[in-house]
Amino acid sequence: MGAMHVLACADKFRGTLTAPEFGEAVAGGADGHEVVIQPLADGGEGTLDAFGGPNRRTTVTGPLGEPVDAAWRLSGGRAVIEMARASGLSLVGGADGNEPLEATTAGTGELIAKAVEAGAGEIIVGLGGSATTDGGLGALRALPAPSRLRGVDLVVACDVETRFTDAARVFGPQKGASAAQIRLLTARLERLVGVYRSEHGADIAGIEGGGAAGGLAGGLVAAGARLESGAALIADAVDLYDKIEIADLVVTGEGRVDATSFDGKVVSAVIKLAAAAERDVLVIGGRIDDEARQRLDDLGVSWVDLVDAHGETTALTATADAVAASISDVLSR
C-alpha cells in the first residue's frame, strides 16, 4: 500500500484520551503516511480543542462563588467558551463537593460578557460537565445589557435533547442532588419558565435541548441565543467536509460506541460527511456494542473494538498504544 492521506477526527475517549491525543496516537501508528489531526467535540468538554485550544484566560465567578481562572478562545471575531471551564462540576471536586442548590452559571455569563467586550461578533458556548441547575439565571444576570448583545451571534452547542424543566430530574443525581433537592430545583426551573416568558418574551419550556447544562441552554435561548447540535456545528465550523474530501482514510471514534453514537454525536456526523464525500471510514471504540457493530456493518464502515483487539487492561490503561497498534495493523493490510 502506498502512502495515504489519513484524517484523524474524533471526540475524546472519556477518561483515557483527549481528542488531540487520539489524533497523535493515530499518527503514531501511521508511520510513512500523512496524517492530519482535527479534534472534534459534540459541544461538551473538548470544544475548545476542536477550535485550536484556548488563547485567553479570565478570572470569573466559579460554580460555588470562588474565583476561577477560566480559559477560552478568541480568534477572527469568533469566541469559543466551554461552560465547564467556568461552571463545571470538576471545579468543585465532583458531585461530592457540589452544592446543587447554590451552584451558579454566573462565571459562564461573565465569560460571554468578556467576549462581547473584546469585540466578538460570534460566541459559541459549549455545554457539558456542569455543576449547575440554575436554569441559566446566574449567566443571564452577568450578561451585558441586551443592546450590547445586538449584532452578536450567540450560539449554544449541545448534545442532549432534555427539556428545560426536566433538567434536574435527568441530570441532578450526577451533580450530587438528593431527591428532595431535585424537587426544589425542578420547582425553580418551572418558575423560571414564567420569568423568562415575561421578561424576555421567550417560551423555552418546549425546546428540545433547553435543559442542557442544568437549563443554561434554555436561559441563553431566552436571551437571544440559538441552540444547535454541537457535533454538526463544530464539524461545519472547522470545515470538516473539505478535510474529509481530500483524505484517503478517515479515522474517528469514541470511548464507547453504542446506539447513542448515531444520534447527533461526532461519530455519526463524521460517517455522514464521509459517505457524502465517498471516503472510507474507520471507527475505533474502546468498546463497540453489538447493536453499533451491526449498524456500522450495514453502513459499510470498518471498525475496531480496542478491548477485543488488545485486551481490557491495554485498552483502558494504554489506550494510545492500542489505537496506534490498530492503525498500524489496518494500514499494513
C-alpha atoms as a PDB file:
ATOM      1  CA  MET A   1       0.000   0.000   0.000  1.00  0.00           C
ATOM      2  CA  GLY A   2       1.349   3.432  -0.948  1.00  0.00           C
ATOM      3  CA  ALA A   3       1.411   6.436   1.329  1.00  0.00           C
ATOM      4  CA  MET A   4      -2.083   7.515   2.315  1.00  0.00           C
ATOM      5  CA  HIS A   5      -3.602  10.785   3.460  1.00  0.00           C
ATOM      6  CA  VAL A   6      -5.224   9.941   6.797  1.00  0.00           C
ATOM      7  CA  LEU A   7      -7.600  12.278   8.640  1.00  0.00           C
ATOM      8  CA  ALA A   8      -7.873  11.634  12.391  1.00  0.00           C
ATOM      9  CA  CYS A   9     -11.037  13.328  13.656  1.00  0.00           C
ATOM     10  CA  ALA A  10     -12.622  12.110  16.858  1.00  0.00           C
ATOM     11  CA  ASP A  11     -14.123  13.267  20.114  1.00  0.00           C
ATOM     12  CA  LYS A  12     -12.418  12.466  23.419  1.00  0.00           C
ATOM     13  CA  PHE A  13     -12.262   8.941  24.807  1.00  0.00           C
ATOM     14  CA  ARG A  14     -13.610   9.952  28.205  1.00  0.00           C
ATOM     15  CA  GLY A  15     -11.126   9.232  30.976  1.00  0.00           C
ATOM     16  CA  THR A  16      -8.374   7.917  28.705  1.00  0.00           C
ATOM     17  CA  LEU A  17      -7.651  10.174  25.702  1.00  0.00           C
ATOM     18  CA  THR A  18      -8.394  13.744  24.705  1.00  0.00           C
ATOM     19  CA  ALA A  19      -9.309  14.318  21.072  1.00  0.00           C
ATOM     20  CA  PRO A  20      -5.817  15.703  20.239  1.00  0.00           C
ATOM     21  CA  GLU A  21      -4.210  12.708  21.980  1.00  0.00           C
ATOM     22  CA  PHE A  22      -6.315  10.370  19.860  1.00  0.00           C
ATOM     23  CA  GLY A  23      -5.009  12.125  16.758  1.00  0.00           C
ATOM     24  CA  GLU A  24      -1.424  11.799  17.954  1.00  0.00           C
ATOM     25  CA  ALA A  25      -1.988   8.090  18.580  1.00  0.00           C
ATOM     26  CA  VAL A  26      -3.292   7.649  15.028  1.00  0.00           C
ATOM     27  CA  ALA A  27      -0.223   9.462  13.715  1.00  0.00           C
ATOM     28  CA  GLY A  28       1.995   7.226  15.839  1.00  0.00           C
ATOM     29  CA  GLY A  29       0.582   4.144  14.151  1.00  0.00           C
ATOM     30  CA  ALA A  30       0.659   5.579  10.631  1.00  0.00           C
ATOM     31  CA  ASP A  31       4.397   5.773  10.033  1.00  0.00           C
ATOM     32  CA  GLY A  32       5.085   6.588   6.394  1.00  0.00           C
ATOM     33  CA  HIS A  33       1.641   8.070   5.850  1.00  0.00           C
ATOM     34  CA  GLU A  34       0.468  11.686   6.000  1.00  0.00           C
ATOM     35  CA  VAL A  35      -1.816  12.309   8.977  1.00  0.00           C
ATOM     36  CA  VAL A  36      -3.936  15.405   9.551  1.00  0.00           C
ATOM     37  CA  ILE A  37      -5.351  15.788  13.067  1.00  0.00           C
ATOM     38  CA  GLN A  38      -8.677  17.572  13.534  1.00  0.00           C
ATOM     39  CA  PRO A  39     -10.033  17.263  17.087  1.00  0.00           C
ATOM     40  CA  LEU A  40     -13.826  17.259  17.287  1.00  0.00           C
ATOM     41  CA  ALA A  41     -16.430  17.562  20.040  1.00  0.00           C
ATOM     42  CA  ASP A  42     -20.187  17.433  20.468  1.00  0.00           C
ATOM     43  CA  GLY A  43     -20.379  20.755  22.281  1.00  0.00           C
ATOM     44  CA  GLY A  44     -19.160  19.494  25.650  1.00  0.00           C
ATOM     45  CA  GLU A  45     -15.678  19.326  27.064  1.00  0.00           C
ATOM     46  CA  GLY A  46     -13.162  19.334  24.223  1.00  0.00           C
ATOM     47  CA  THR A  47     -14.930  22.054  22.237  1.00  0.00           C
ATOM     48  CA  LEU A  48     -12.008  24.447  22.727  1.00  0.00           C
ATOM     49  CA  ASP A  49      -9.572  21.832  21.402  1.00  0.00           C
ATOM     50  CA  ALA A  50     -11.655  21.493  18.232  1.00  0.00           C
ATOM     51  CA  PHE A  51     -11.127  25.183  17.515  1.00  0.00           C
ATOM     52  CA  GLY A  52      -7.397  25.174  18.236  1.00  0.00           C
ATOM     53  CA  GLY A  53      -7.307  25.427  22.006  1.00  0.00           C
ATOM     54  CA  PRO A  54      -7.602  28.346  24.429  1.00  0.00           C
ATOM     55  CA  ASN A  55      -5.649  31.550  23.923  1.00  0.00           C
ATOM     56  CA  ARG A  56      -7.118  33.726  26.682  1.00  0.00           C
ATOM     57  CA  ARG A  57      -7.770  33.456  30.404  1.00  0.00           C
ATOM     58  CA  THR A  58     -10.212  35.400  32.552  1.00  0.00           C
ATOM     59  CA  THR A  59     -10.904  35.217  36.284  1.00  0.00           C
ATOM     60  CA  VAL A  60     -14.626  34.669  36.820  1.00  0.00           C
ATOM     61  CA  THR A  61     -17.045  33.507  39.497  1.00  0.00           C
ATOM     62  CA  GLY A  62     -16.841  29.750  39.971  1.00  0.00           C
ATOM     63  CA  PRO A  63     -19.853  27.492  40.474  1.00  0.00           C
ATOM     64  CA  LEU A  64     -19.843  27.938  44.256  1.00  0.00           C
ATOM     65  CA  GLY A  65     -18.735  31.571  44.231  1.00  0.00           C
ATOM     66  CA  GLU A  66     -14.976  31.124  44.406  1.00  0.00           C
ATOM     67  CA  PRO A  67     -12.747  32.806  41.766  1.00  0.00           C
ATOM     68  CA  VAL A  68     -11.859  30.566  38.819  1.00  0.00           C
ATOM     69  CA  ASP A  69      -9.210  31.189  36.160  1.00  0.00           C
ATOM     70  CA  ALA A  70     -11.149  30.160  33.046  1.00  0.00           C
ATOM     71  CA  ALA A  71      -9.527  29.554  29.663  1.00  0.00           C
ATOM     72  CA  TRP A  72     -11.371  30.496  26.460  1.00  0.00           C
ATOM     73  CA  ARG A  73     -10.613  31.408  22.852  1.00  0.00           C
ATOM     74  CA  LEU A  74     -10.991  34.472  20.647  1.00  0.00           C
ATOM     75  CA  SER A  75      -9.830  34.402  17.046  1.00  0.00           C
ATOM     76  CA  GLY A  76     -11.059  36.236  13.962  1.00  0.00           C
ATOM     77  CA  GLY A  77     -14.049  37.695  15.783  1.00  0.00           C
ATOM     78  CA  ARG A  78     -15.235  34.275  16.985  1.00  0.00           C
ATOM     79  CA  ALA A  79     -15.152  33.458  20.699  1.00  0.00           C
ATOM     80  CA  VAL A  80     -15.367  29.877  21.954  1.00  0.00           C
ATOM     81  CA  ILE A  81     -16.315  29.178  25.561  1.00  0.00           C
ATOM     82  CA  GLU A  82     -16.649  25.873  27.404  1.00  0.00           C
ATOM     83  CA  MET A  83     -19.035  26.412  30.271  1.00  0.00           C
ATOM     84  CA  ALA A  84     -17.265  23.637  32.212  1.00  0.00           C
ATOM     85  CA  ARG A  85     -14.195  25.874  32.479  1.00  0.00           C
ATOM     86  CA  ALA A  86     -16.222  28.413  34.477  1.00  0.00           C
ATOM     87  CA  SER A  87     -19.159  26.470  35.915  1.00  0.00           C
ATOM     88  CA  GLY A  88     -18.050  22.843  35.753  1.00  0.00           C
ATOM     89  CA  LEU A  89     -18.537  20.006  38.202  1.00  0.00           C
ATOM     90  CA  SER A  90     -14.812  19.248  38.155  1.00  0.00           C
ATOM     91  CA  LEU A  91     -14.133  22.696  39.644  1.00  0.00           C
ATOM     92  CA  VAL A  92     -15.848  21.707  42.899  1.00  0.00           C
ATOM     93  CA  GLY A  93     -14.337  18.247  43.182  1.00  0.00           C
ATOM     94  CA  GLY A  94     -17.205  16.354  41.584  1.00  0.00           C
ATOM     95  CA  ALA A  95     -20.660  15.535  42.908  1.00  0.00           C
ATOM     96  CA  ASP A  96     -19.445  15.038  46.486  1.00  0.00           C
ATOM     97  CA  GLY A  97     -18.117  18.596  46.633  1.00  0.00           C
ATOM     98  CA  ASN A  98     -21.071  20.239  44.938  1.00  0.00           C
ATOM     99  CA  GLU A  99     -23.890  22.283  46.454  1.00  0.00           C
ATOM    100  CA  PRO A 100     -26.645  21.689  43.871  1.00  0.00           C
ATOM    101  CA  LEU A 101     -28.988  24.391  45.176  1.00  0.00           C
ATOM    102  CA  GLU A 102     -26.246  27.032  45.231  1.00  0.00           C
ATOM    103  CA  ALA A 103     -24.264  26.229  42.073  1.00  0.00           C
ATOM    104  CA  THR A 104     -24.365  29.148  39.632  1.00  0.00           C
ATOM    105  CA  THR A 105     -23.607  29.773  35.973  1.00  0.00           C
ATOM    106  CA  ALA A 106     -22.532  33.355  36.722  1.00  0.00           C
ATOM    107  CA  GLY A 107     -18.972  32.680  35.573  1.00  0.00           C
ATOM    108  CA  THR A 108     -20.159  31.495  32.170  1.00  0.00           C
ATOM    109  CA  GLY A 109     -22.147  34.708  31.773  1.00  0.00           C
ATOM    110  CA  GLU A 110     -19.062  36.686  32.785  1.00  0.00           C
ATOM    111  CA  LEU A 111     -17.041  34.955  30.058  1.00  0.00           C
ATOM    112  CA  ILE A 112     -19.721  35.805  27.486  1.00  0.00           C
ATOM    113  CA  ALA A 113     -19.656  39.425  28.668  1.00  0.00           C
ATOM    114  CA  LYS A 114     -15.859  39.471  28.371  1.00  0.00           C
ATOM    115  CA  ALA A 115     -16.074  38.120  24.828  1.00  0.00           C
ATOM    116  CA  VAL A 116     -18.565  40.857  23.884  1.00  0.00           C
ATOM    117  CA  GLU A 117     -16.282  43.464  25.456  1.00  0.00           C
ATOM    118  CA  ALA A 118     -13.361  42.069  23.436  1.00  0.00           C
ATOM    119  CA  GLY A 119     -15.289  42.573  20.188  1.00  0.00           C
ATOM    120  CA  ALA A 120     -16.508  39.071  19.376  1.00  0.00           C
ATOM    121  CA  GLY A 121     -19.193  39.007  16.696  1.00  0.00           C
ATOM    122  CA  GLU A 122     -19.886  35.298  17.176  1.00  0.00           C
ATOM    123  CA  ILE A 123     -19.805  33.479  20.509  1.00  0.00           C
ATOM    124  CA  ILE A 124     -20.050  29.695  20.681  1.00  0.00           C
ATOM    125  CA  VAL A 125     -20.845  28.316  24.126  1.00  0.00           C
ATOM    126  CA  GLY A 126     -20.164  24.603  24.546  1.00  0.00           C
ATOM    127  CA  LEU A 127     -22.221  22.873  27.225  1.00  0.00           C
ATOM    128  CA  GLY A 128     -21.380  19.797  29.253  1.00  0.00           C
ATOM    129  CA  GLY A 129     -19.797  18.852  32.545  1.00  0.00           C
ATOM    130  CA  SER A 130     -21.779  21.436  34.509  1.00  0.00           C
ATOM    131  CA  ALA A 131     -22.178  21.670  38.278  1.00  0.00           C
ATOM    132  CA  THR A 132     -25.284  23.785  37.866  1.00  0.00           C
ATOM    133  CA  THR A 133     -29.063  23.530  37.685  1.00  0.00           C
ATOM    134  CA  ASP A 134     -29.880  27.226  37.918  1.00  0.00           C
ATOM    135  CA  GLY A 135     -31.672  27.461  34.587  1.00  0.00           C
ATOM    136  CA  GLY A 136     -29.000  29.861  33.366  1.00  0.00           C
ATOM    137  CA  LEU A 137     -30.183  32.573  35.747  1.00  0.00           C
ATOM    138  CA  GLY A 138     -26.674  33.281  37.022  1.00  0.00           C
ATOM    139  CA  ALA A 139     -25.369  33.640  33.489  1.00  0.00           C
ATOM    140  CA  LEU A 140     -28.192  35.942  32.403  1.00  0.00           C
ATOM    141  CA  ARG A 141     -27.607  38.238  35.359  1.00  0.00           C
ATOM    142  CA  ALA A 142     -23.952  38.548  34.313  1.00  0.00           C
ATOM    143  CA  LEU A 143     -24.635  39.218  30.627  1.00  0.00           C
ATOM    144  CA  PRO A 144     -24.207  42.705  29.202  1.00  0.00           C
ATOM    145  CA  ALA A 145     -27.272  44.828  28.511  1.00  0.00           C
ATOM    146  CA  PRO A 146     -29.455  43.499  25.671  1.00  0.00           C
ATOM    147  CA  SER A 147     -28.401  46.410  23.481  1.00  0.00           C
ATOM    148  CA  ARG A 148     -24.786  45.206  23.643  1.00  0.00           C
ATOM    149  CA  LEU A 149     -25.805  41.713  22.537  1.00  0.00           C
ATOM    150  CA  ARG A 150     -27.459  43.021  19.377  1.00  0.00           C
ATOM    151  CA  GLY A 151     -25.373  42.091  16.392  1.00  0.00           C
ATOM    152  CA  VAL A 152     -23.678  39.269  18.322  1.00  0.00           C
ATOM    153  CA  ASP A 153     -24.406  35.743  17.081  1.00  0.00           C
ATOM    154  CA  LEU A 154     -24.695  33.784  20.334  1.00  0.00           C
ATOM    155  CA  VAL A 155     -24.723  30.040  19.639  1.00  0.00           C
ATOM    156  CA  VAL A 156     -25.261  27.274  22.177  1.00  0.00           C
ATOM    157  CA  ALA A 157     -23.722  23.932  21.203  1.00  0.00           C
ATOM    158  CA  CYS A 158     -25.093  20.870  22.979  1.00  0.00           C
ATOM    159  CA  ASP A 159     -25.685  17.160  22.503  1.00  0.00           C
ATOM    160  CA  VAL A 160     -28.769  16.399  24.601  1.00  0.00           C
ATOM    161  CA  GLU A 161     -32.497  16.751  23.941  1.00  0.00           C
ATOM    162  CA  THR A 162     -33.647  17.157  27.555  1.00  0.00           C
ATOM    163  CA  ARG A 163     -36.238  19.881  28.048  1.00  0.00           C
ATOM    164  CA  PHE A 164     -35.784  22.773  30.453  1.00  0.00           C
ATOM    165  CA  THR A 165     -37.994  21.618  33.322  1.00  0.00           C
ATOM    166  CA  ASP A 166     -36.616  18.056  33.142  1.00  0.00           C
ATOM    167  CA  ALA A 167     -33.012  19.132  33.736  1.00  0.00           C
ATOM    168  CA  ALA A 168     -32.970  18.473  37.484  1.00  0.00           C
ATOM    169  CA  ARG A 169     -34.632  15.075  37.196  1.00  0.00           C
ATOM    170  CA  VAL A 170     -32.334  13.883  34.409  1.00  0.00           C
ATOM    171  CA  PHE A 171     -29.011  15.393  35.449  1.00  0.00           C
ATOM    172  CA  GLY A 172     -29.434  16.291  39.123  1.00  0.00           C
ATOM    173  CA  PRO A 173     -28.291  12.943  40.554  1.00  0.00           C
ATOM    174  CA  GLN A 174     -24.926  13.082  38.780  1.00  0.00           C
ATOM    175  CA  LYS A 175     -24.406  16.563  40.235  1.00  0.00           C
ATOM    176  CA  GLY A 176     -24.945  15.360  43.786  1.00  0.00           C
ATOM    177  CA  ALA A 177     -28.582  16.398  44.197  1.00  0.00           C
ATOM    178  CA  SER A 178     -30.769  14.431  46.605  1.00  0.00           C
ATOM    179  CA  ALA A 179     -34.377  13.537  45.800  1.00  0.00           C
ATOM    180  CA  ALA A 180     -35.581  16.476  47.890  1.00  0.00           C
ATOM    181  CA  GLN A 181     -33.156  18.849  46.179  1.00  0.00           C
ATOM    182  CA  ILE A 182     -34.278  17.622  42.764  1.00  0.00           C
ATOM    183  CA  ARG A 183     -37.865  18.536  43.646  1.00  0.00           C
ATOM    184  CA  LEU A 184     -36.763  22.018  44.740  1.00  0.00           C
ATOM    185  CA  LEU A 185     -34.639  22.514  41.624  1.00  0.00           C
ATOM    186  CA  THR A 186     -37.487  21.378  39.372  1.00  0.00           C
ATOM    187  CA  ALA A 187     -39.863  23.844  41.023  1.00  0.00           C
ATOM    188  CA  ARG A 188     -37.307  26.608  40.469  1.00  0.00           C
ATOM    189  CA  LEU A 189     -36.966  25.711  36.794  1.00  0.00           C
ATOM    190  CA  GLU A 190     -40.755  25.728  36.413  1.00  0.00           C
ATOM    191  CA  ARG A 191     -40.885  29.230  37.904  1.00  0.00           C
ATOM    192  CA  LEU A 192     -38.116  30.393  35.581  1.00  0.00           C
ATOM    193  CA  VAL A 193     -40.176  29.385  32.544  1.00  0.00           C
ATOM    194  CA  GLY A 194     -42.647  32.088  33.556  1.00  0.00           C
ATOM    195  CA  VAL A 195     -39.917  34.585  34.392  1.00  0.00           C
ATOM    196  CA  TYR A 196     -38.238  34.180  31.015  1.00  0.00           C
ATOM    197  CA  ARG A 197     -41.582  34.402  29.233  1.00  0.00           C
ATOM    198  CA  SER A 198     -42.488  37.675  30.947  1.00  0.00           C
ATOM    199  CA  GLU A 199     -39.042  39.296  30.930  1.00  0.00           C
ATOM    200  CA  HIS A 200     -37.710  38.099  27.574  1.00  0.00           C
ATOM    201  CA  GLY A 201     -40.819  37.086  25.638  1.00  0.00           C
ATOM    202  CA  ALA A 202     -39.373  33.605  25.147  1.00  0.00           C
ATOM    203  CA  ASP A 203     -41.264  30.361  25.704  1.00  0.00           C
ATOM    204  CA  ILE A 204     -38.488  27.877  26.400  1.00  0.00           C
ATOM    205  CA  ALA A 205     -40.486  25.054  28.000  1.00  0.00           C
ATOM    206  CA  GLY A 206     -40.881  23.001  24.844  1.00  0.00           C
ATOM    207  CA  ILE A 207     -37.420  23.463  23.347  1.00  0.00           C
ATOM    208  CA  GLU A 208     -35.550  20.182  22.906  1.00  0.00           C
ATOM    209  CA  GLY A 209     -32.140  20.644  24.483  1.00  0.00           C
ATOM    210  CA  GLY A 210     -33.273  23.550  26.652  1.00  0.00           C
ATOM    211  CA  GLY A 211     -32.366  21.550  29.749  1.00  0.00           C
ATOM    212  CA  ALA A 212     -28.714  21.097  28.770  1.00  0.00           C
ATOM    213  CA  ALA A 213     -26.226  22.127  31.464  1.00  0.00           C
ATOM    214  CA  GLY A 214     -28.962  22.385  34.060  1.00  0.00           C
ATOM    215  CA  GLY A 215     -31.099  24.666  31.920  1.00  0.00           C
ATOM    216  CA  LEU A 216     -28.303  27.023  30.871  1.00  0.00           C
ATOM    217  CA  ALA A 217     -29.228  26.274  27.256  1.00  0.00           C
ATOM    218  CA  GLY A 218     -32.796  27.436  27.784  1.00  0.00           C
ATOM    219  CA  GLY A 219     -31.710  30.521  29.688  1.00  0.00           C
ATOM    220  CA  LEU A 220     -29.361  31.592  26.913  1.00  0.00           C
ATOM    221  CA  VAL A 221     -32.060  30.961  24.295  1.00  0.00           C
ATOM    222  CA  ALA A 222     -34.295  33.310  26.293  1.00  0.00           C
ATOM    223  CA  ALA A 223     -31.526  35.911  25.981  1.00  0.00           C
ATOM    224  CA  GLY A 224     -31.460  35.524  22.198  1.00  0.00           C
ATOM    225  CA  ALA A 225     -29.110  32.607  21.585  1.00  0.00           C
ATOM    226  CA  ARG A 226     -29.791  29.855  19.079  1.00  0.00           C
ATOM    227  CA  LEU A 227     -29.397  26.209  20.002  1.00  0.00           C
ATOM    228  CA  GLU A 228     -27.553  23.848  17.660  1.00  0.00           C
ATOM    229  CA  SER A 229     -26.306  20.272  17.611  1.00  0.00           C
ATOM    230  CA  GLY A 230     -22.749  20.543  18.860  1.00  0.00           C
ATOM    231  CA  ALA A 231     -21.255  17.885  16.592  1.00  0.00           C
ATOM    232  CA  ALA A 232     -22.772  19.343  13.414  1.00  0.00           C
ATOM    233  CA  LEU A 233     -21.951  22.919  14.407  1.00  0.00           C
ATOM    234  CA  ILE A 234     -18.304  22.142  15.107  1.00  0.00           C
ATOM    235  CA  ALA A 235     -17.926  19.979  12.006  1.00  0.00           C
ATOM    236  CA  ASP A 236     -19.180  22.881   9.901  1.00  0.00           C
ATOM    237  CA  ALA A 237     -17.097  25.489  11.720  1.00  0.00           C
ATOM    238  CA  VAL A 238     -13.824  23.601  11.180  1.00  0.00           C
ATOM    239  CA  ASP A 239     -14.618  22.824   7.506  1.00  0.00           C
ATOM    240  CA  LEU A 240     -14.611  19.099   8.213  1.00  0.00           C
ATOM    241  CA  TYR A 241     -16.175  18.109   4.886  1.00  0.00           C
ATOM    242  CA  ASP A 242     -13.368  19.787   2.955  1.00  0.00           C
ATOM    243  CA  LYS A 243     -10.796  17.901   5.027  1.00  0.00           C
ATOM    244  CA  ILE A 244     -12.611  14.601   4.562  1.00  0.00           C
ATOM    245  CA  GLU A 245     -12.845  15.143   0.815  1.00  0.00           C
ATOM    246  CA  ILE A 246      -9.052  15.101   0.371  1.00  0.00           C
ATOM    247  CA  ALA A 247      -8.442  12.139   2.703  1.00  0.00           C
ATOM    248  CA  ASP A 248      -7.911   8.535   1.663  1.00  0.00           C
ATOM    249  CA  LEU A 249      -8.960   7.242   5.073  1.00  0.00           C
ATOM    250  CA  VAL A 250     -10.992   8.953   7.797  1.00  0.00           C
ATOM    251  CA  VAL A 251     -10.463   7.685  11.349  1.00  0.00           C
ATOM    252  CA  THR A 252     -12.934   8.569  14.091  1.00  0.00           C
ATOM    253  CA  GLY A 253     -14.284   7.042  17.273  1.00  0.00           C
ATOM    254  CA  GLU A 254     -15.067   7.446  20.959  1.00  0.00           C
ATOM    255  CA  GLY A 255     -14.622   5.554  24.189  1.00  0.00           C
ATOM    256  CA  ARG A 256     -17.918   3.708  23.920  1.00  0.00           C
ATOM    257  CA  VAL A 257     -19.717   3.317  20.615  1.00  0.00           C
ATOM    258  CA  ASP A 258     -23.381   2.388  21.040  1.00  0.00           C
ATOM    259  CA  ALA A 259     -26.807   3.364  19.727  1.00  0.00           C
ATOM    260  CA  THR A 260     -26.429   6.926  21.036  1.00  0.00           C
ATOM    261  CA  SER A 261     -23.329   7.381  18.868  1.00  0.00           C
ATOM    262  CA  PHE A 262     -25.616   7.520  15.829  1.00  0.00           C
ATOM    263  CA  ASP A 263     -27.872  10.210  17.281  1.00  0.00           C
ATOM    264  CA  GLY A 264     -26.186  13.530  16.585  1.00  0.00           C
ATOM    265  CA  LYS A 265     -22.804  12.580  18.038  1.00  0.00           C
ATOM    266  CA  VAL A 266     -19.384  13.052  16.463  1.00  0.00           C
ATOM    267  CA  VAL A 267     -19.164   9.511  15.090  1.00  0.00           C
ATOM    268  CA  SER A 268     -22.431   9.854  13.169  1.00  0.00           C
ATOM    269  CA  ALA A 269     -21.513  13.316  11.859  1.00  0.00           C
ATOM    270  CA  VAL A 270     -18.198  12.025  10.507  1.00  0.00           C
ATOM    271  CA  ILE A 271     -19.780   8.949   8.923  1.00  0.00           C
ATOM    272  CA  LYS A 272     -22.427  11.050   7.151  1.00  0.00           C
ATOM    273  CA  LEU A 273     -19.903  13.528   5.768  1.00  0.00           C
ATOM    274  CA  ALA A 274     -17.560  10.740   4.667  1.00  0.00           C
ATOM    275  CA  ALA A 275     -20.425   8.975   2.891  1.00  0.00           C
ATOM    276  CA  ALA A 276     -21.265  12.188   1.044  1.00  0.00           C
ATOM    277  CA  ALA A 277     -17.611  12.525   0.025  1.00  0.00           C
ATOM    278  CA  GLU A 278     -17.358   8.791  -0.787  1.00  0.00           C
ATOM    279  CA  ARG A 279     -14.434   8.266   1.581  1.00  0.00           C
ATOM    280  CA  ASP A 280     -13.566   5.200   3.650  1.00  0.00           C
ATOM    281  CA  VAL A 281     -14.105   5.441   7.405  1.00  0.00           C
ATOM    282  CA  LEU A 282     -12.576   3.503  10.281  1.00  0.00           C
ATOM    283  CA  VAL A 283     -14.331   3.750  13.652  1.00  0.00           C
ATOM    284  CA  ILE A 284     -12.240   2.936  16.717  1.00  0.00           C
ATOM    285  CA  GLY A 285     -14.025   2.382  20.000  1.00  0.00           C
ATOM    286  CA  GLY A 286     -12.834   1.386  23.418  1.00  0.00           C
ATOM    287  CA  ARG A 287     -15.940  -0.769  23.363  1.00  0.00           C
ATOM    288  CA  ILE A 288     -18.390  -1.163  20.481  1.00  0.00           C
ATOM    289  CA  ASP A 289     -21.625  -2.875  21.456  1.00  0.00           C
ATOM    290  CA  ASP A 290     -23.412  -5.434  19.298  1.00  0.00           C
ATOM    291  CA  GLU A 291     -26.069  -3.048  18.006  1.00  0.00           C
ATOM    292  CA  ALA A 292     -23.447  -0.493  16.979  1.00  0.00           C
ATOM    293  CA  ARG A 293     -21.368  -3.180  15.260  1.00  0.00           C
ATOM    294  CA  GLN A 294     -24.386  -4.166  13.195  1.00  0.00           C
ATOM    295  CA  ARG A 295     -25.124  -0.528  12.332  1.00  0.00           C
ATOM    296  CA  LEU A 296     -21.536   0.019  11.216  1.00  0.00           C
ATOM    297  CA  ASP A 297     -21.545  -3.177   9.160  1.00  0.00           C
ATOM    298  CA  ASP A 298     -24.805  -2.123   7.484  1.00  0.00           C
ATOM    299  CA  LEU A 299     -23.224   1.243   6.617  1.00  0.00           C
ATOM    300  CA  GLY A 300     -20.135  -0.423   5.186  1.00  0.00           C
ATOM    301  CA  VAL A 301     -17.932   1.176   7.840  1.00  0.00           C
ATOM    302  CA  SER A 302     -14.883  -0.659   9.202  1.00  0.00           C
ATOM    303  CA  TRP A 303     -14.405  -0.756  12.960  1.00  0.00           C
ATOM    304  CA  VAL A 304     -12.026  -1.837  15.711  1.00  0.00           C
ATOM    305  CA  ASP A 305     -13.035  -2.649  19.283  1.00  0.00           C
ATOM    306  CA  LEU A 306      -9.922  -1.964  21.370  1.00  0.00           C
ATOM    307  CA  VAL A 307     -10.883  -4.342  24.185  1.00  0.00           C
ATOM    308  CA  ASP A 308     -11.422  -7.197  21.732  1.00  0.00           C
ATOM    309  CA  ALA A 309      -8.246  -6.383  19.815  1.00  0.00           C
ATOM    310  CA  HIS A 310      -5.850  -5.696  22.679  1.00  0.00           C
ATOM    311  CA  GLY A 311      -7.477  -6.807  25.926  1.00  0.00           C
ATOM    312  CA  GLU A 312      -9.235  -4.750  28.560  1.00  0.00           C
ATOM    313  CA  THR A 313      -6.120  -3.765  30.512  1.00  0.00           C
ATOM    314  CA  THR A 314      -4.293  -2.344  27.488  1.00  0.00           C
ATOM    315  CA  ALA A 315      -7.442  -0.707  26.107  1.00  0.00           C
ATOM    316  CA  LEU A 316      -8.096   1.115  29.382  1.00  0.00           C
ATOM    317  CA  THR A 317      -4.587   1.885  30.653  1.00  0.00           C
ATOM    318  CA  ALA A 318      -2.593   2.230  27.426  1.00  0.00           C
ATOM    319  CA  THR A 319      -5.301   3.464  25.078  1.00  0.00           C
ATOM    320  CA  ALA A 320      -2.961   5.497  22.873  1.00  0.00           C
ATOM    321  CA  ASP A 321      -0.766   2.441  22.307  1.00  0.00           C
ATOM    322  CA  ALA A 322      -3.829   0.354  21.451  1.00  0.00           C
ATOM    323  CA  VAL A 323      -5.036   2.960  18.940  1.00  0.00           C
ATOM    324  CA  ALA A 324      -1.584   3.204  17.343  1.00  0.00           C
ATOM    325  CA  ALA A 325      -1.286  -0.587  17.058  1.00  0.00           C
ATOM    326  CA  SER A 326      -4.743  -0.839  15.495  1.00  0.00           C
ATOM    327  CA  ILE A 327      -3.927   1.828  12.913  1.00  0.00           C
ATOM    328  CA  SER A 328      -0.623   0.162  12.080  1.00  0.00           C
ATOM    329  CA  ASP A 329      -2.441  -3.144  11.566  1.00  0.00           C
ATOM    330  CA  VAL A 330      -5.126  -1.614   9.326  1.00  0.00           C
ATOM    331  CA  LEU A 331      -2.631   0.279   7.169  1.00  0.00           C
ATOM    332  CA  SER A 332      -0.392  -2.757   6.722  1.00  0.00           C
ATOM    333  CA  ARG A 333      -3.142  -4.888   5.188  1.00  0.00           C
END
